[in-house]
């Protein structure tokens, strides 16, 4: 008999009667005598495996399900605990219990691929049972060729500790300063100001952006050169459309490089050509040999390696651009630096050959969807037209508030504050990696909001490590997501969004997951 069943009160009418629940159409009368807990666990596990309960689904409260089935609450609690021990669900206290991983149920029904490499069995995956067979990898986003929707789905998965890259300290958002600026902006607006704005962006924000870039990135530009966009993602989408109309079909991208940026260009029907990145940055000789008409790169703090494009490569790249190539400079987190001097933007050196994109997503919050794009004169009208037909322009009120923060010096004050906080968190993660990830090599610690760690010579797949970590309640990006060509397994770990204690715990759990694979 299941241990949870002995706790039922013998005199309880609820325990004596067999009940049913709308949840999974459960009928407790189908459970074998003495095996109700195992039966309930198996029914929920099967629903997770076949996708009836996808990742993110919330299970009924234990007391509610117990009442509907006419069983003790302890029986339901025990069933949930068995699922939690298997890494399939995660309890959030009063917030309930959610599905966080699914067993590879469909794969288990098939014979293993004899040609697949042998090694440690993969842990539970994260998004149903649609894994790719014969790969040795778990189902879900951690299988090969993960695509955009799965990356977005991973972002929404509940977890205890999120070490995903690309997120700043959202608790530090300057709410008071934002509200004060918003009040001042509203007090000065006329009724006409609430109409449709300029698709290129409000003059106030475009002027403020040029001042910000001049002070912080050494870029001298005119407000007419600035197009306000909904983050760098939209900037890449607009450029993809304009470049395709201009006859460009191939765009070189860094390898490794941002999966999201690469997919944004591919969604715009451009062919992306991977160009290797080494300790000096993008391989410019490989760029010239690629035949690409444009290149997207992150020269100030390469994602994900953290490498800075060195002087020799910069000269070669600018020579390539002066000969007719187009550089798309993604300056995604250049403000966040700790142990090195600032790196000048390429746009400051060759304005006519560089499209420059930046945003406040890594400085304030991604939810604002506010960024800027500077383009050479020959492309500006086409980019503004593409922006007009995309959305008629960004919301005016948020643009005016950001402009006031930039002009008042409040944004610089916020940058100084979060830079100190991010540095402490970076240091905490470095200590944790040293303590809990033996054999890991750290890259890119001098700046940014993430670390790249590699396990050179390791035999396991980094997707398996990320899946094992997710089963323990920790989210991280496998490095292979951001590669086109094969390379050493690794992880990309964001450290800005969590306090030091949480970072320490998260890396310790990564160490536990790593130990299971070795």
Protein backbone atom coordinates (compact mmCIF):
# COMPACT_ATOMS: atom_id res chain seq x y z
CA UNK A 1 0.00 0.00 0.00
CA UNK A 2 1.26 3.50 -0.80
CA UNK A 3 2.55 5.29 2.27
CA UNK A 4 0.33 8.31 1.66
CA UNK A 5 -2.79 6.17 1.82
CA UNK A 6 -2.25 5.11 5.42
CA UNK A 7 -2.84 8.71 6.49
CA UNK A 8 -6.46 8.66 5.40
CA UNK A 9 -8.94 8.94 8.21
CA UNK A 10 -10.91 5.71 8.42
CA UNK A 11 -14.02 7.62 9.42
CA UNK A 12 -13.82 10.15 6.61
CA UNK A 13 -16.71 9.92 4.18
CA UNK A 14 -14.62 11.69 1.58
CA UNK A 15 -11.93 9.00 1.78
CA UNK A 16 -14.46 6.19 1.60
CA UNK A 17 -16.13 7.37 -1.60
CA UNK A 18 -14.55 7.14 -5.05
CA UNK A 19 -14.59 10.44 -6.89
CA UNK A 20 -13.66 11.98 -10.21
CA UNK A 21 -12.05 15.18 -11.42
CA UNK A 22 -12.30 17.22 -14.59
CA UNK A 23 -8.51 17.44 -14.42
CA UNK A 24 -7.31 14.76 -16.88
CA UNK A 25 -10.75 13.14 -16.47
CA UNK A 26 -9.38 11.27 -13.47
CA UNK A 27 -11.57 8.54 -12.01
CA UNK A 28 -10.19 7.24 -8.74
CA UNK A 29 -12.30 4.12 -9.17
CA UNK A 30 -9.83 3.02 -11.86
CA UNK A 31 -6.96 2.95 -9.36
CA UNK A 32 -5.94 -0.48 -8.04
CA UNK A 33 -6.49 -1.08 -4.32
CA UNK A 34 -3.43 -0.06 -2.36
CA UNK A 35 -1.85 1.65 -5.38
CA UNK A 36 -3.69 4.94 -5.70
CA UNK A 37 -0.63 7.14 -5.26
CA UNK A 38 1.30 5.25 -7.93
CA UNK A 39 -1.74 5.35 -10.21
CA UNK A 40 -2.17 9.12 -9.83
CA UNK A 41 1.56 9.71 -10.37
CA UNK A 42 1.53 7.58 -13.51
CA UNK A 43 -1.54 9.35 -14.94
CA UNK A 44 0.03 12.79 -14.51
CA UNK A 45 3.39 11.59 -15.83
CA UNK A 46 1.71 10.16 -18.94
CA UNK A 47 -0.13 13.46 -19.52
CA UNK A 48 3.18 15.33 -19.34
CA UNK A 49 4.82 12.86 -21.72
CA UNK A 50 2.14 13.04 -24.42
CA UNK A 51 1.88 16.83 -24.31
CA UNK A 52 -1.52 17.04 -22.60
CA UNK A 53 0.29 18.90 -19.82
CA UNK A 54 3.03 20.88 -21.63
CA UNK A 55 5.82 22.65 -19.81
CA UNK A 56 4.43 25.61 -17.89
CA UNK A 57 1.10 23.90 -17.12
CA UNK A 58 -0.15 24.40 -13.58
CA UNK A 59 -1.36 21.40 -11.59
CA UNK A 60 -4.46 21.74 -9.40
CA UNK A 61 -3.88 22.62 -5.78
CA UNK A 62 -3.40 19.45 -3.76
CA UNK A 63 -6.39 20.10 -1.50
CA UNK A 64 -8.63 20.80 -4.50
CA UNK A 65 -7.66 17.64 -6.38
CA UNK A 66 -7.93 15.57 -3.20
CA UNK A 67 -11.45 16.86 -2.59
CA UNK A 68 -12.52 16.14 -6.17
CA UNK A 69 -11.13 12.60 -6.08
CA UNK A 70 -12.33 11.87 -2.57
CA UNK A 71 -8.86 10.97 -1.28
CA UNK A 72 -6.58 12.36 1.39
CA UNK A 73 -4.55 15.45 0.65
CA UNK A 74 -1.46 13.48 1.67
CA UNK A 75 -1.99 11.08 -1.23
CA UNK A 76 -1.97 13.90 -3.77
CA UNK A 77 0.98 15.57 -2.05
CA UNK A 78 2.95 12.32 -2.27
CA UNK A 79 2.17 11.95 -5.99
CA UNK A 80 3.32 15.53 -6.65
CA UNK A 81 6.48 14.91 -4.63
CA UNK A 82 7.35 11.84 -6.73
CA UNK A 83 7.01 13.94 -9.88
CA UNK A 84 9.15 16.68 -8.31
CA UNK A 85 11.83 14.17 -7.34
CA UNK A 86 11.95 13.09 -11.00
CA UNK A 87 12.46 16.71 -12.07
CA UNK A 88 9.14 16.91 -13.91
CA UNK A 89 7.29 19.42 -11.75
CA UNK A 90 8.34 22.22 -9.46
CA UNK A 91 6.46 23.53 -6.44
CA UNK A 92 6.23 27.29 -5.92
CA UNK A 93 4.59 27.34 -2.50
CA UNK A 94 1.31 29.20 -2.58
CA UNK A 95 1.87 29.92 -6.27
CA UNK A 96 1.21 26.25 -7.01
CA UNK A 97 2.99 23.46 -8.84
CA UNK A 98 3.99 23.67 -12.51
CA UNK A 99 5.35 21.27 -15.10
CA UNK A 100 9.02 22.01 -15.86
CA UNK A 101 10.22 18.94 -17.80
CA UNK A 102 8.89 15.94 -19.68
CA UNK A 103 10.24 12.39 -19.98
CA UNK A 104 11.27 11.22 -23.45
CA UNK A 105 8.23 8.96 -23.56
CA UNK A 106 7.94 8.57 -27.32
CA UNK A 107 11.66 7.95 -27.74
CA UNK A 108 11.52 5.21 -25.13
CA UNK A 109 9.08 3.23 -27.26
CA UNK A 110 11.54 3.02 -30.15
CA UNK A 111 14.63 0.94 -30.56
CA UNK A 112 17.82 2.92 -29.99
CA UNK A 113 19.81 3.98 -33.00
CA UNK A 114 22.87 1.69 -33.10
CA UNK A 115 24.86 4.40 -34.85
CA UNK A 116 24.21 6.97 -32.13
CA UNK A 117 27.18 7.75 -29.87
CA UNK A 118 27.16 6.03 -26.52
CA UNK A 119 27.54 7.85 -23.26
CA UNK A 120 25.55 8.95 -20.22
CA UNK A 121 21.81 8.88 -20.75
CA UNK A 122 20.29 12.29 -21.30
CA UNK A 123 18.17 13.77 -18.53
CA UNK A 124 14.54 14.74 -18.90
CA UNK A 125 13.92 17.33 -21.57
CA UNK A 126 11.88 20.45 -21.25
CA UNK A 127 9.16 20.71 -23.88
CA UNK A 128 7.10 17.57 -24.34
CA UNK A 129 8.20 14.43 -26.07
CA UNK A 130 9.06 15.78 -29.49
CA UNK A 131 12.76 15.10 -29.20
CA UNK A 132 14.85 14.03 -32.16
CA UNK A 133 15.65 10.34 -32.06
CA UNK A 134 19.06 8.76 -32.42
CA UNK A 135 20.92 11.89 -31.33
CA UNK A 136 21.59 11.01 -27.72
CA UNK A 137 20.03 14.39 -26.82
CA UNK A 138 16.86 15.06 -24.83
CA UNK A 139 13.62 16.26 -26.43
CA UNK A 140 12.59 19.88 -26.57
CA UNK A 141 14.74 22.98 -27.08
CA UNK A 142 17.94 21.19 -26.12
CA UNK A 143 17.83 18.90 -29.13
CA UNK A 144 19.79 19.82 -32.26
CA UNK A 145 18.70 22.75 -34.41
CA UNK A 146 16.68 24.52 -31.75
CA UNK A 147 14.59 27.21 -33.36
CA UNK A 148 13.25 30.59 -32.35
CA UNK A 149 9.91 29.50 -30.88
CA UNK A 150 11.64 27.00 -28.60
CA UNK A 151 14.04 29.64 -27.35
CA UNK A 152 11.05 31.86 -26.57
CA UNK A 153 9.35 28.95 -24.86
CA UNK A 154 12.39 28.35 -22.67
CA UNK A 155 12.22 31.98 -21.61
CA UNK A 156 8.72 31.39 -20.26
CA UNK A 157 9.45 28.17 -18.38
CA UNK A 158 9.09 28.57 -14.61
CA UNK A 159 12.30 27.87 -12.74
CA UNK A 160 13.88 28.66 -9.42
CA UNK A 161 17.04 30.27 -10.81
CA UNK A 162 17.37 31.88 -14.23
CA UNK A 163 20.91 32.21 -15.55
CA UNK A 164 19.84 33.02 -19.11
CA UNK A 165 22.00 35.69 -20.75
CA UNK A 166 20.81 39.07 -21.90
CA UNK A 167 18.79 40.27 -18.89
CA UNK A 168 19.92 43.16 -16.64
CA UNK A 169 19.03 43.61 -12.99
CA UNK A 170 15.33 44.30 -13.45
CA UNK A 171 14.86 45.03 -9.74
CA UNK A 172 17.09 48.08 -10.24
CA UNK A 173 14.75 49.72 -12.77
CA UNK A 174 14.61 53.42 -11.74
CA UNK A 175 10.90 53.54 -11.06
CA UNK A 176 10.98 56.81 -9.13
CA UNK A 177 13.04 58.60 -11.74
CA UNK A 178 10.87 57.22 -14.53
CA UNK A 179 7.65 58.32 -12.81
CA UNK A 180 9.04 61.79 -12.10
CA UNK A 181 10.13 62.18 -15.71
CA UNK A 182 6.76 60.92 -16.93
CA UNK A 183 4.91 63.47 -14.78
CA UNK A 184 7.04 66.28 -16.14
CA UNK A 185 6.53 65.10 -19.70
CA UNK A 186 2.76 64.82 -19.27
CA UNK A 187 2.55 68.25 -17.71
CA UNK A 188 4.15 69.78 -20.79
CA UNK A 189 2.19 67.95 -23.50
CA UNK A 190 -0.58 69.54 -25.53
CA UNK A 191 -3.58 67.60 -26.76
CA UNK A 192 -2.05 67.45 -30.23
CA UNK A 193 0.99 65.66 -28.83
CA UNK A 194 -1.15 62.58 -28.19
CA UNK A 195 -1.69 62.03 -31.91
CA UNK A 196 0.42 59.96 -34.29
CA UNK A 197 4.11 60.73 -34.02
CA UNK A 198 6.94 60.76 -36.51
CA UNK A 199 7.73 57.16 -37.60
CA UNK A 200 11.42 58.03 -37.42
CA UNK A 201 11.03 58.90 -33.73
CA UNK A 202 10.34 62.03 -31.72
CA UNK A 203 12.84 64.85 -32.32
CA UNK A 204 13.44 65.04 -28.56
CA UNK A 205 14.59 61.42 -28.27
CA UNK A 206 16.63 61.51 -31.47
CA UNK A 207 18.48 64.58 -30.15
CA UNK A 208 18.95 62.93 -26.74
CA UNK A 209 20.30 59.76 -28.35
CA UNK A 210 22.93 61.70 -30.30
CA UNK A 211 24.04 63.35 -27.05
CA UNK A 212 24.16 59.99 -25.26
CA UNK A 213 26.19 58.38 -28.03
CA UNK A 214 28.59 61.31 -28.21
CA UNK A 215 29.22 61.18 -24.45
CA UNK A 216 29.37 57.42 -24.02
CA UNK A 217 30.38 55.90 -27.37
CA UNK A 218 32.35 58.61 -29.15
CA UNK A 219 29.82 58.79 -32.00
CA UNK A 220 29.07 62.19 -33.49
CA UNK A 221 25.79 62.17 -35.39
CA UNK A 222 22.94 64.43 -36.34
CA UNK A 223 19.44 63.71 -34.96
CA UNK A 224 18.24 63.25 -38.53
CA UNK A 225 20.51 60.20 -38.78
CA UNK A 226 18.70 58.42 -35.91
CA UNK A 227 15.74 56.08 -36.39
CA UNK A 228 14.00 55.08 -33.14
CA UNK A 229 13.18 51.36 -33.15
CA UNK A 230 11.63 48.73 -30.89
CA UNK A 231 14.99 47.33 -29.83
CA UNK A 232 17.86 45.87 -31.81
CA UNK A 233 15.64 42.99 -32.92
CA UNK A 234 13.45 45.36 -34.92
CA UNK A 235 16.51 47.19 -36.21
CA UNK A 236 17.76 43.92 -37.71
CA UNK A 237 14.34 43.16 -39.15
CA UNK A 238 14.14 46.55 -40.86
CA UNK A 239 17.67 46.22 -42.20
CA UNK A 240 16.95 42.73 -43.52
CA UNK A 241 14.02 44.10 -45.52
CA UNK A 242 15.96 47.09 -46.84
CA UNK A 243 19.07 45.10 -47.73
CA UNK A 244 17.07 42.49 -49.59
CA UNK A 245 15.33 45.21 -51.58
CA UNK A 246 18.80 46.64 -52.30
CA UNK A 247 19.97 43.34 -53.76
CA UNK A 248 21.89 41.93 -50.76
CA UNK A 249 21.16 38.24 -50.22
CA UNK A 250 24.03 37.05 -48.00
CA UNK A 251 24.98 38.49 -44.62
CA UNK A 252 27.99 37.24 -42.68
CA UNK A 253 27.50 36.54 -38.96
CA UNK A 254 29.92 35.76 -36.16
CA UNK A 255 30.36 32.11 -35.22
CA UNK A 256 29.79 31.71 -32.37
CA UNK A 257 27.31 34.55 -32.33
CA UNK A 258 23.82 35.44 -31.16
CA UNK A 259 21.25 32.83 -32.20
CA UNK A 260 18.46 35.40 -31.94
CA UNK A 261 20.21 37.93 -34.17
CA UNK A 262 20.97 35.27 -36.76
CA UNK A 263 17.37 34.12 -36.81
CA UNK A 264 16.14 37.69 -37.14
CA UNK A 265 18.10 38.05 -40.38
CA UNK A 266 16.99 34.64 -41.64
CA UNK A 267 13.36 35.53 -40.94
CA UNK A 268 13.97 38.53 -43.18
CA UNK A 269 14.86 36.01 -45.93
CA UNK A 270 18.58 36.69 -45.89
CA UNK A 271 21.11 33.88 -46.06
CA UNK A 272 23.47 34.00 -43.08
CA UNK A 273 27.08 32.93 -43.62
CA UNK A 274 29.03 31.92 -40.48
CA UNK A 275 32.46 33.52 -40.08
CA UNK A 276 34.77 32.23 -37.33
CA UNK A 277 35.61 34.28 -34.25
CA UNK A 278 38.96 33.81 -32.51
CA UNK A 279 40.89 35.64 -29.80
CA UNK A 280 41.18 38.75 -32.01
CA UNK A 281 37.51 38.87 -32.98
CA UNK A 282 35.91 38.24 -36.36
CA UNK A 283 38.20 36.56 -38.92
CA UNK A 284 38.29 39.29 -41.58
CA UNK A 285 40.07 37.06 -44.10
CA UNK A 286 37.20 34.59 -43.86
CA UNK A 287 34.77 37.50 -44.22
CA UNK A 288 36.36 38.57 -47.50
CA UNK A 289 36.20 34.99 -48.75
CA UNK A 290 32.54 34.59 -47.74
CA UNK A 291 31.11 36.63 -50.60
CA UNK A 292 28.70 38.35 -48.20
CA UNK A 293 27.64 41.91 -48.95
CA UNK A 294 27.14 42.80 -45.29
CA UNK A 295 28.29 41.57 -41.90
CA UNK A 296 26.62 41.64 -38.47
CA UNK A 297 29.01 41.75 -35.55
CA UNK A 298 29.43 42.78 -31.91
CA UNK A 299 32.92 44.36 -31.93
CA UNK A 300 33.01 45.98 -28.47
CA UNK A 301 32.06 42.83 -26.55
CA UNK A 302 31.54 39.88 -28.84
CA UNK A 303 28.57 37.71 -28.00
CA UNK A 304 29.04 35.22 -26.48
CA UNK A 305 32.85 35.01 -26.22
CA UNK A 306 33.43 38.53 -24.85
CA UNK A 307 36.34 39.10 -27.26
CA UNK A 308 37.11 42.68 -28.38
CA UNK A 309 37.79 43.17 -32.09
CA UNK A 310 41.47 44.13 -32.11
CA UNK A 311 43.09 47.03 -33.96
CA UNK A 312 44.40 45.04 -36.90
CA UNK A 313 41.04 43.39 -37.54
CA UNK A 314 39.28 46.75 -37.21
CA UNK A 315 41.45 48.26 -39.91
CA UNK A 316 40.85 45.28 -42.19
CA UNK A 317 37.10 45.39 -41.54
CA UNK A 318 36.85 49.10 -42.24
CA UNK A 319 38.86 48.61 -45.44
CA UNK A 320 36.37 45.92 -46.49
CA UNK A 321 33.49 48.32 -45.75
CA UNK A 322 35.14 51.19 -47.61
CA UNK A 323 35.38 48.91 -50.66
CA UNK A 324 31.60 48.43 -50.70
CA UNK A 325 30.73 46.12 -47.81
CA UNK A 326 28.23 47.12 -45.12
CA UNK A 327 28.90 46.65 -41.40
CA UNK A 328 25.97 46.20 -39.00
CA UNK A 329 27.31 47.02 -35.55
CA UNK A 330 25.25 45.61 -32.66
CA UNK A 331 26.44 47.59 -29.63
CA UNK A 332 24.22 45.63 -27.30
CA UNK A 333 25.99 46.02 -23.92
CA UNK A 334 29.02 48.27 -24.46
CA UNK A 335 28.18 50.42 -21.41
CA UNK A 336 28.74 47.50 -19.02
CA UNK A 337 32.49 47.19 -18.54
CA UNK A 338 34.47 46.49 -15.38
CA UNK A 339 38.14 45.66 -15.93
CA UNK A 340 39.07 47.33 -19.21
CA UNK A 341 39.00 50.67 -20.97
CA UNK A 342 36.07 51.58 -23.24
CA UNK A 343 36.25 50.41 -26.84
CA UNK A 344 35.33 52.96 -29.54
CA UNK A 345 32.40 52.18 -31.76
CA UNK A 346 33.06 51.36 -35.42
CA UNK A 347 30.38 53.87 -36.40
CA UNK A 348 32.61 56.64 -35.05
CA UNK A 349 35.32 55.65 -37.55
CA UNK A 350 33.35 55.09 -40.78
CA UNK A 351 29.79 56.50 -40.60
CA UNK A 352 29.09 55.91 -44.29
CA UNK A 353 29.88 52.20 -44.06
CA UNK A 354 28.34 51.24 -40.72
CA UNK A 355 24.76 50.73 -39.54
CA UNK A 356 24.83 51.16 -35.77
CA UNK A 357 22.18 49.61 -33.49
CA UNK A 358 21.73 50.02 -29.75
CA UNK A 359 18.99 50.01 -27.13
CA UNK A 360 18.20 50.41 -23.43
CA UNK A 361 17.21 46.74 -23.05
CA UNK A 362 20.45 45.87 -21.19
CA UNK A 363 20.57 49.18 -19.32
CA UNK A 364 16.96 49.70 -18.20
CA UNK A 365 14.64 46.87 -19.25
CA UNK A 366 13.79 44.85 -22.38
CA UNK A 367 10.09 45.55 -21.74
CA UNK A 368 10.54 49.17 -22.86
CA UNK A 369 11.27 48.06 -26.46
CA UNK A 370 13.23 51.22 -27.12
CA UNK A 371 16.36 51.43 -29.24
CA UNK A 372 18.01 53.34 -32.05
CA UNK A 373 19.46 52.70 -35.46
CA UNK A 374 21.92 54.93 -37.31
CA UNK A 375 22.25 54.19 -41.02
CA UNK A 376 24.30 55.66 -43.88
CA UNK A 377 22.48 58.35 -45.87
CA UNK A 378 21.90 56.07 -48.87
CA UNK A 379 19.74 53.70 -46.75
CA UNK A 380 18.02 56.15 -44.41
CA UNK A 381 14.85 56.89 -46.41
CA UNK A 382 14.28 53.19 -47.06
CA UNK A 383 14.71 52.33 -43.35
CA UNK A 384 12.32 55.09 -42.27
CA UNK A 385 9.76 53.85 -44.81
CA UNK A 386 10.13 50.30 -43.53
CA UNK A 387 9.61 51.55 -39.96
CA UNK A 388 6.52 53.48 -41.00
CA UNK A 389 4.92 50.44 -42.58
CA UNK A 390 5.96 48.20 -39.69
CA UNK A 391 4.21 50.08 -36.88
CA UNK A 392 3.88 53.83 -37.59
CA UNK A 393 6.55 54.49 -34.98
CA UNK A 394 7.26 53.74 -31.32
CA UNK A 395 4.94 55.01 -28.56
CA UNK A 396 5.58 58.72 -28.15
CA UNK A 397 5.20 58.99 -24.39
CA UNK A 398 7.92 56.42 -23.59
CA UNK A 399 10.25 58.13 -26.07
CA UNK A 400 9.80 61.48 -24.36
CA UNK A 401 10.37 60.01 -20.91
CA UNK A 402 13.59 58.32 -22.02
CA UNK A 403 14.74 61.55 -23.63
CA UNK A 404 14.27 63.39 -20.35
CA UNK A 405 16.24 60.72 -18.45
CA UNK A 406 19.09 61.03 -20.95
CA UNK A 407 19.15 64.82 -20.93
CA UNK A 408 18.89 65.17 -17.14
CA UNK A 409 21.84 62.90 -16.41
CA UNK A 410 19.58 60.42 -14.63
CA UNK A 411 20.45 57.65 -17.07
CA UNK A 412 24.18 58.09 -16.42
CA UNK A 413 23.53 57.93 -12.68
CA UNK A 414 21.58 54.74 -13.18
CA UNK A 415 24.39 53.28 -15.29
CA UNK A 416 26.94 53.97 -12.56
CA UNK A 417 24.68 52.31 -10.00
CA UNK A 418 23.97 49.13 -11.96
CA UNK A 419 27.57 48.84 -13.13
CA UNK A 420 28.67 48.52 -9.49
CA UNK A 421 25.92 46.00 -8.78
CA UNK A 422 26.60 43.95 -11.90
CA UNK A 423 30.29 43.85 -11.08
CA UNK A 424 29.58 42.35 -7.64
CA UNK A 425 27.37 39.75 -9.24
CA UNK A 426 29.96 38.99 -11.88
CA UNK A 427 32.53 38.41 -9.13
CA UNK A 428 30.11 36.14 -7.27
CA UNK A 429 29.56 34.01 -10.36
CA UNK A 430 33.30 33.79 -11.02
CA UNK A 431 33.85 32.48 -7.51
CA UNK A 432 31.01 30.00 -7.91
CA UNK A 433 32.31 28.71 -11.25
CA UNK A 434 35.74 28.22 -9.73
CA UNK A 435 34.23 26.29 -6.81
CA UNK A 436 31.57 24.19 -8.55
CA UNK A 437 32.53 23.72 -12.21
CA UNK A 438 35.92 22.00 -12.23
CA UNK A 439 37.60 22.13 -15.60
CA UNK A 440 35.48 25.03 -16.86
CA UNK A 441 37.27 27.82 -18.73
CA UNK A 442 35.77 31.31 -18.36
CA UNK A 443 35.60 33.79 -21.24
CA UNK A 444 34.55 37.43 -21.45
CA UNK A 445 34.56 38.39 -17.77
CA UNK A 446 35.88 41.93 -18.27
CA UNK A 447 32.59 43.38 -19.49
CA UNK A 448 28.95 42.63 -20.26
CA UNK A 449 26.21 40.82 -18.39
CA UNK A 450 27.20 37.20 -19.02
CA UNK A 451 30.05 34.74 -18.91
CA UNK A 452 30.85 32.05 -21.43
CA UNK A 453 32.27 28.87 -19.93
CA UNK A 454 33.67 26.02 -21.99
CA UNK A 455 34.61 22.47 -21.09
CA UNK A 456 37.44 21.81 -23.50
CA UNK A 457 37.89 18.15 -24.39
CA UNK A 458 34.69 17.06 -22.62
CA UNK A 459 32.71 14.18 -24.14
CA UNK A 460 29.20 15.29 -23.16
CA UNK A 461 26.79 17.50 -25.12
CA UNK A 462 26.18 20.94 -23.64
CA UNK A 463 22.49 20.56 -24.53
CA UNK A 464 22.37 17.58 -22.18
CA UNK A 465 23.98 19.67 -19.45
CA UNK A 466 21.45 22.47 -19.95
CA UNK A 467 18.59 19.96 -19.83
CA UNK A 468 19.95 18.37 -16.65
CA UNK A 469 20.23 21.82 -15.10
CA UNK A 470 16.66 22.68 -16.05
CA UNK A 471 15.48 19.50 -14.36
CA UNK A 472 17.11 20.88 -11.20
CA UNK A 473 15.35 24.23 -11.62
CA UNK A 474 18.14 26.23 -13.33
CA UNK A 475 17.95 27.78 -16.80
CA UNK A 476 21.05 28.41 -18.90
CA UNK A 477 21.87 28.56 -22.59
CA UNK A 478 24.00 25.80 -24.10
CA UNK A 479 26.82 27.33 -26.11
CA UNK A 480 25.93 25.14 -29.09
CA UNK A 481 22.73 27.18 -29.53
CA UNK A 482 24.94 30.07 -30.58
CA UNK A 483 27.24 28.07 -32.86
CA UNK A 484 26.84 27.07 -36.48
CA UNK A 485 30.00 24.99 -36.66
CA UNK A 486 30.87 22.40 -33.99
CA UNK A 487 33.07 23.33 -31.06
CA UNK A 488 33.78 22.66 -27.41
CA UNK A 489 30.70 22.19 -25.20
CA UNK A 490 29.90 25.13 -22.97
CA UNK A 491 27.28 27.35 -21.38
CA UNK A 492 26.37 31.03 -21.63
CA UNK A 493 25.49 32.24 -18.13
CA UNK A 494 23.82 35.53 -17.31
CA UNK A 495 24.69 36.98 -13.91
CA UNK A 496 23.05 40.41 -13.83
CA UNK A 497 19.48 39.44 -12.97
CA UNK A 498 20.03 37.55 -9.70
CA UNK A 499 21.54 38.33 -6.28
CA UNK A 500 24.91 36.77 -5.40
CA UNK A 501 23.42 34.04 -3.21
CA UNK A 502 21.11 32.92 -5.98
CA UNK A 503 23.99 32.88 -8.45
CA UNK A 504 26.04 30.74 -6.08
CA UNK A 505 23.17 28.26 -5.69
CA UNK A 506 22.51 28.18 -9.42
CA UNK A 507 26.11 27.42 -10.33
CA UNK A 508 26.26 24.80 -7.58
CA UNK A 509 23.27 23.07 -9.17
CA UNK A 510 25.01 23.30 -12.54
CA UNK A 511 27.91 21.52 -10.91
CA UNK A 512 25.57 18.79 -9.71
CA UNK A 513 24.14 18.42 -13.22
CA UNK A 514 27.67 18.29 -14.63
CA UNK A 515 28.61 15.54 -12.21
CA UNK A 516 25.76 13.39 -13.50
CA UNK A 517 27.09 13.61 -17.07
CA UNK A 518 30.72 12.84 -16.36
